[in-house]
N, C-alpha and C. Protein backbone atom coordinates (compact mmCIF):
# COMPACT_ATOMS: atom_id res chain seq x y z
N MET A 1 66.32 -19.97 -21.00
CA MET A 1 65.96 -21.34 -20.73
C MET A 1 67.07 -22.09 -20.00
N ASN A 2 68.31 -21.73 -20.22
CA ASN A 2 69.40 -22.47 -19.60
C ASN A 2 69.33 -22.46 -18.08
N ASN A 3 68.88 -21.35 -17.49
CA ASN A 3 68.74 -21.29 -16.03
C ASN A 3 67.71 -22.29 -15.55
N LEU A 4 66.64 -22.50 -16.31
CA LEU A 4 65.63 -23.48 -15.92
C LEU A 4 66.19 -24.90 -15.98
N VAL A 5 66.99 -25.18 -16.99
CA VAL A 5 67.59 -26.50 -17.11
C VAL A 5 68.53 -26.75 -15.94
N VAL A 6 69.34 -25.76 -15.60
CA VAL A 6 70.25 -25.89 -14.46
C VAL A 6 69.44 -26.08 -13.18
N GLY A 7 68.35 -25.34 -13.04
CA GLY A 7 67.50 -25.47 -11.86
C GLY A 7 66.92 -26.87 -11.74
N ALA A 8 66.42 -27.44 -12.85
CA ALA A 8 65.87 -28.80 -12.81
C ALA A 8 66.96 -29.80 -12.46
N PHE A 9 68.16 -29.59 -12.98
CA PHE A 9 69.28 -30.48 -12.66
C PHE A 9 69.63 -30.40 -11.17
N VAL A 10 69.67 -29.18 -10.63
CA VAL A 10 70.01 -29.00 -9.21
C VAL A 10 68.95 -29.65 -8.32
N VAL A 11 67.68 -29.45 -8.66
CA VAL A 11 66.60 -30.06 -7.86
C VAL A 11 66.70 -31.58 -7.90
N THR A 12 66.92 -32.14 -9.07
CA THR A 12 67.03 -33.58 -9.20
C THR A 12 68.25 -34.12 -8.45
N THR A 13 69.37 -33.45 -8.58
CA THR A 13 70.59 -33.87 -7.89
C THR A 13 70.42 -33.79 -6.38
N THR A 14 69.79 -32.73 -5.91
CA THR A 14 69.52 -32.59 -4.48
C THR A 14 68.66 -33.75 -3.98
N GLY A 15 67.66 -34.11 -4.76
CA GLY A 15 66.80 -35.24 -4.39
C GLY A 15 67.56 -36.55 -4.33
N VAL A 16 68.45 -36.76 -5.29
CA VAL A 16 69.25 -37.99 -5.29
C VAL A 16 70.13 -38.05 -4.05
N VAL A 17 70.81 -36.95 -3.73
CA VAL A 17 71.69 -36.91 -2.56
C VAL A 17 70.87 -37.15 -1.29
N ALA A 18 69.73 -36.48 -1.18
CA ALA A 18 68.89 -36.66 0.01
C ALA A 18 68.40 -38.09 0.13
N ALA A 19 68.00 -38.72 -0.97
CA ALA A 19 67.51 -40.09 -0.92
C ALA A 19 68.62 -41.06 -0.54
N VAL A 20 69.82 -40.86 -1.07
CA VAL A 20 70.94 -41.76 -0.76
C VAL A 20 71.35 -41.62 0.70
N VAL A 21 71.46 -40.38 1.18
CA VAL A 21 71.84 -40.15 2.58
C VAL A 21 70.77 -40.72 3.50
N ALA A 22 69.50 -40.49 3.16
CA ALA A 22 68.41 -40.98 4.00
C ALA A 22 68.38 -42.50 4.03
N ALA A 23 68.62 -43.13 2.88
CA ALA A 23 68.62 -44.58 2.83
C ALA A 23 69.77 -45.15 3.67
N ALA A 24 70.91 -44.48 3.65
CA ALA A 24 72.06 -44.94 4.45
C ALA A 24 71.77 -44.82 5.94
N GLN A 25 70.92 -43.87 6.32
CA GLN A 25 70.61 -43.65 7.73
C GLN A 25 69.28 -44.28 8.14
N ASP A 26 68.66 -45.03 7.24
CA ASP A 26 67.34 -45.63 7.49
C ASP A 26 66.29 -44.60 7.89
N ASP A 27 66.35 -43.44 7.31
CA ASP A 27 65.37 -42.38 7.57
C ASP A 27 64.38 -42.37 6.41
N TYR A 28 63.28 -43.08 6.57
CA TYR A 28 62.34 -43.27 5.47
C TYR A 28 61.59 -41.98 5.12
N GLY A 29 61.37 -41.13 6.09
CA GLY A 29 60.71 -39.85 5.81
C GLY A 29 61.55 -38.98 4.89
N LEU A 30 62.83 -38.85 5.23
CA LEU A 30 63.73 -38.05 4.40
C LEU A 30 63.94 -38.71 3.03
N CYS A 31 63.95 -40.02 3.02
CA CYS A 31 64.09 -40.74 1.74
C CYS A 31 62.88 -40.44 0.85
N ALA A 32 61.70 -40.41 1.42
CA ALA A 32 60.49 -40.09 0.66
C ALA A 32 60.56 -38.67 0.11
N VAL A 33 61.07 -37.74 0.92
CA VAL A 33 61.23 -36.36 0.47
C VAL A 33 62.23 -36.31 -0.69
N GLY A 34 63.31 -37.06 -0.58
CA GLY A 34 64.31 -37.11 -1.65
C GLY A 34 63.73 -37.67 -2.93
N LEU A 35 62.95 -38.74 -2.83
CA LEU A 35 62.33 -39.32 -4.02
C LEU A 35 61.31 -38.37 -4.64
N PHE A 36 60.57 -37.65 -3.79
CA PHE A 36 59.62 -36.66 -4.29
C PHE A 36 60.36 -35.54 -5.03
N THR A 37 61.50 -35.13 -4.48
CA THR A 37 62.30 -34.08 -5.11
C THR A 37 62.83 -34.54 -6.46
N ILE A 38 63.21 -35.80 -6.56
CA ILE A 38 63.65 -36.35 -7.85
C ILE A 38 62.50 -36.28 -8.85
N ALA A 39 61.31 -36.66 -8.42
CA ALA A 39 60.15 -36.64 -9.31
C ALA A 39 59.84 -35.21 -9.77
N VAL A 40 59.94 -34.25 -8.85
CA VAL A 40 59.69 -32.85 -9.21
C VAL A 40 60.71 -32.38 -10.25
N GLY A 41 61.97 -32.73 -10.05
CA GLY A 41 63.01 -32.35 -11.01
C GLY A 41 62.78 -32.99 -12.37
N ALA A 42 62.34 -34.25 -12.38
CA ALA A 42 62.07 -34.93 -13.65
C ALA A 42 60.89 -34.30 -14.38
N VAL A 43 59.83 -33.98 -13.65
CA VAL A 43 58.68 -33.32 -14.27
C VAL A 43 59.09 -31.94 -14.80
N GLY A 44 59.90 -31.23 -14.04
CA GLY A 44 60.39 -29.92 -14.49
C GLY A 44 61.19 -30.04 -15.77
N ALA A 45 62.06 -31.03 -15.84
CA ALA A 45 62.85 -31.25 -17.05
C ALA A 45 61.96 -31.59 -18.24
N TYR A 46 60.93 -32.40 -18.01
CA TYR A 46 59.99 -32.75 -19.07
C TYR A 46 59.26 -31.51 -19.58
N LEU A 47 58.78 -30.67 -18.66
CA LEU A 47 58.06 -29.46 -19.06
C LEU A 47 58.97 -28.49 -19.82
N ILE A 48 60.22 -28.38 -19.39
CA ILE A 48 61.18 -27.53 -20.10
C ILE A 48 61.39 -28.06 -21.52
N SER A 49 61.54 -29.37 -21.65
CA SER A 49 61.74 -29.98 -22.96
C SER A 49 60.55 -29.71 -23.87
N ARG A 50 59.34 -29.89 -23.36
CA ARG A 50 58.14 -29.64 -24.16
C ARG A 50 58.05 -28.17 -24.57
N SER A 51 58.42 -27.28 -23.67
CA SER A 51 58.39 -25.85 -23.96
C SER A 51 59.39 -25.51 -25.07
N GLN A 52 60.57 -26.10 -25.01
CA GLN A 52 61.58 -25.86 -26.04
C GLN A 52 61.13 -26.43 -27.39
N ASP A 53 60.48 -27.60 -27.37
CA ASP A 53 59.94 -28.18 -28.61
C ASP A 53 58.88 -27.26 -29.22
N ALA A 54 58.01 -26.72 -28.38
CA ALA A 54 56.96 -25.81 -28.87
C ALA A 54 57.56 -24.54 -29.47
N ALA A 55 58.60 -24.02 -28.82
CA ALA A 55 59.25 -22.82 -29.35
C ALA A 55 59.92 -23.11 -30.69
N THR A 56 60.54 -24.26 -30.82
CA THR A 56 61.16 -24.66 -32.09
C THR A 56 60.09 -24.81 -33.17
N ASP A 57 58.98 -25.45 -32.81
CA ASP A 57 57.89 -25.62 -33.78
C ASP A 57 57.36 -24.27 -34.26
N ARG A 58 57.17 -23.33 -33.35
CA ARG A 58 56.67 -22.00 -33.74
C ARG A 58 57.67 -21.31 -34.67
N THR A 59 58.94 -21.41 -34.35
CA THR A 59 59.98 -20.77 -35.17
C THR A 59 60.03 -21.38 -36.56
N VAL A 60 60.02 -22.70 -36.63
CA VAL A 60 60.06 -23.39 -37.93
C VAL A 60 58.80 -23.07 -38.73
N LEU A 61 57.64 -23.11 -38.10
CA LEU A 61 56.40 -22.82 -38.80
C LEU A 61 56.39 -21.39 -39.35
N HIS A 62 56.86 -20.46 -38.55
CA HIS A 62 56.92 -19.06 -39.00
C HIS A 62 57.83 -18.93 -40.22
N ARG A 63 58.97 -19.59 -40.18
CA ARG A 63 59.92 -19.51 -41.30
C ARG A 63 59.36 -20.19 -42.54
N LEU A 64 58.65 -21.32 -42.34
CA LEU A 64 58.06 -22.02 -43.49
C LEU A 64 56.93 -21.21 -44.11
N GLU A 65 56.22 -20.43 -43.31
CA GLU A 65 55.18 -19.57 -43.87
C GLU A 65 55.78 -18.50 -44.77
N GLU A 66 56.97 -18.02 -44.42
CA GLU A 66 57.65 -17.01 -45.24
C GLU A 66 58.24 -17.62 -46.51
N SER A 67 58.83 -18.79 -46.38
CA SER A 67 59.50 -19.42 -47.52
C SER A 67 59.35 -20.94 -47.38
N PRO A 68 58.30 -21.51 -47.98
CA PRO A 68 57.97 -22.92 -47.73
C PRO A 68 58.86 -23.96 -48.42
N HIS A 69 59.72 -23.56 -49.32
CA HIS A 69 60.46 -24.56 -50.09
C HIS A 69 61.94 -24.64 -49.73
N HIS A 70 62.30 -24.25 -48.52
CA HIS A 70 63.70 -24.36 -48.09
C HIS A 70 64.03 -25.80 -47.72
N PRO A 71 65.21 -26.29 -48.12
CA PRO A 71 65.65 -27.59 -47.63
C PRO A 71 65.90 -27.52 -46.11
N VAL A 72 65.83 -28.66 -45.48
CA VAL A 72 65.97 -28.72 -44.02
C VAL A 72 67.30 -28.14 -43.56
N GLU A 73 68.38 -28.48 -44.24
CA GLU A 73 69.70 -28.01 -43.82
C GLU A 73 69.80 -26.49 -43.90
N ALA A 74 69.25 -25.91 -44.97
CA ALA A 74 69.28 -24.45 -45.11
C ALA A 74 68.41 -23.79 -44.05
N LEU A 75 67.26 -24.38 -43.79
CA LEU A 75 66.36 -23.85 -42.76
C LEU A 75 67.03 -23.91 -41.39
N ALA A 76 67.68 -25.02 -41.10
CA ALA A 76 68.37 -25.17 -39.82
C ALA A 76 69.49 -24.14 -39.68
N ARG A 77 70.24 -23.94 -40.75
CA ARG A 77 71.32 -22.95 -40.73
C ARG A 77 70.78 -21.55 -40.46
N GLU A 78 69.69 -21.19 -41.15
CA GLU A 78 69.10 -19.86 -40.98
C GLU A 78 68.58 -19.64 -39.57
N LEU A 79 68.03 -20.69 -38.98
CA LEU A 79 67.42 -20.56 -37.65
C LEU A 79 68.41 -20.83 -36.52
N GLY A 80 69.61 -21.30 -36.85
CA GLY A 80 70.59 -21.60 -35.82
C GLY A 80 70.25 -22.86 -35.05
N LEU A 81 69.61 -23.80 -35.73
CA LEU A 81 69.22 -25.07 -35.09
C LEU A 81 69.92 -26.23 -35.78
N ARG A 82 69.89 -27.36 -35.14
CA ARG A 82 70.43 -28.56 -35.76
C ARG A 82 69.43 -29.10 -36.77
N PRO A 83 69.90 -29.68 -37.87
CA PRO A 83 68.97 -30.25 -38.86
C PRO A 83 68.01 -31.28 -38.25
N ALA A 84 68.49 -32.08 -37.32
CA ALA A 84 67.62 -33.08 -36.69
C ALA A 84 66.47 -32.42 -35.93
N ALA A 85 66.73 -31.30 -35.27
CA ALA A 85 65.67 -30.59 -34.55
C ALA A 85 64.64 -30.04 -35.53
N VAL A 86 65.08 -29.56 -36.67
CA VAL A 86 64.17 -29.03 -37.68
C VAL A 86 63.35 -30.17 -38.29
N ARG A 87 63.99 -31.30 -38.58
CA ARG A 87 63.25 -32.45 -39.12
C ARG A 87 62.17 -32.92 -38.14
N LEU A 88 62.54 -33.03 -36.88
CA LEU A 88 61.59 -33.46 -35.86
C LEU A 88 60.45 -32.46 -35.73
N SER A 89 60.77 -31.18 -35.77
CA SER A 89 59.75 -30.15 -35.69
C SER A 89 58.81 -30.22 -36.89
N MET A 90 59.37 -30.40 -38.08
CA MET A 90 58.54 -30.50 -39.28
C MET A 90 57.64 -31.74 -39.22
N HIS A 91 58.16 -32.81 -38.65
CA HIS A 91 57.36 -34.03 -38.49
C HIS A 91 56.18 -33.77 -37.54
N ARG A 92 56.45 -33.11 -36.41
CA ARG A 92 55.36 -32.78 -35.47
C ARG A 92 54.34 -31.85 -36.12
N LEU A 93 54.81 -30.86 -36.87
CA LEU A 93 53.91 -29.93 -37.54
C LEU A 93 53.07 -30.63 -38.60
N THR A 94 53.66 -31.61 -39.30
CA THR A 94 52.91 -32.38 -40.29
C THR A 94 51.84 -33.21 -39.61
N LYS A 95 52.19 -33.87 -38.52
CA LYS A 95 51.23 -34.68 -37.78
C LYS A 95 50.08 -33.83 -37.24
N ALA A 96 50.38 -32.58 -36.90
CA ALA A 96 49.35 -31.67 -36.40
C ALA A 96 48.53 -31.06 -37.54
N GLY A 97 48.93 -31.30 -38.78
CA GLY A 97 48.22 -30.78 -39.94
C GLY A 97 48.55 -29.33 -40.27
N LEU A 98 49.63 -28.82 -39.71
CA LEU A 98 50.02 -27.42 -39.95
C LEU A 98 50.95 -27.25 -41.14
N VAL A 99 51.55 -28.36 -41.59
CA VAL A 99 52.46 -28.35 -42.74
C VAL A 99 52.04 -29.48 -43.66
N SER A 100 52.12 -29.26 -44.95
CA SER A 100 51.73 -30.32 -45.90
C SER A 100 52.74 -31.46 -45.82
N PRO A 101 52.29 -32.69 -46.04
CA PRO A 101 53.21 -33.84 -45.97
C PRO A 101 54.38 -33.75 -46.94
N LYS A 102 54.24 -33.02 -48.05
CA LYS A 102 55.35 -32.88 -49.00
C LYS A 102 56.53 -32.16 -48.37
N ALA A 103 56.27 -31.27 -47.41
CA ALA A 103 57.33 -30.49 -46.79
C ALA A 103 58.06 -31.27 -45.72
N ASP A 104 57.50 -32.40 -45.30
CA ASP A 104 58.10 -33.18 -44.21
C ASP A 104 59.12 -34.17 -44.77
N PRO A 105 60.42 -33.96 -44.49
CA PRO A 105 61.45 -34.86 -45.03
C PRO A 105 61.42 -36.25 -44.40
N ALA A 106 60.76 -36.40 -43.25
CA ALA A 106 60.73 -37.70 -42.57
C ALA A 106 59.71 -38.63 -43.21
N GLU A 107 58.82 -38.12 -44.02
CA GLU A 107 57.76 -38.94 -44.63
C GLU A 107 58.24 -39.52 -45.93
């Protein structure tokens, strides 16, 4: 996933540079291309973020199916995630009805 994040950053940065250079030269066509590139990079970053959230949710759900009574900190340690990421994942899983509300520490 890190290569995708770097790619989204490069695309967005390229768009920013192109838009700034185009604006300085009053080249509205190139400026539009730069702004479009920024939008593509932002959408890419959003999709990467959603994909990572889904992967975290699947991992947490799988672990909870094996052992449903782990505290968040222990679960995070076992999975190599931050406790906040596990709490957020459990909250999303609870809202989706995949985990009982008792298991959600945010409730």
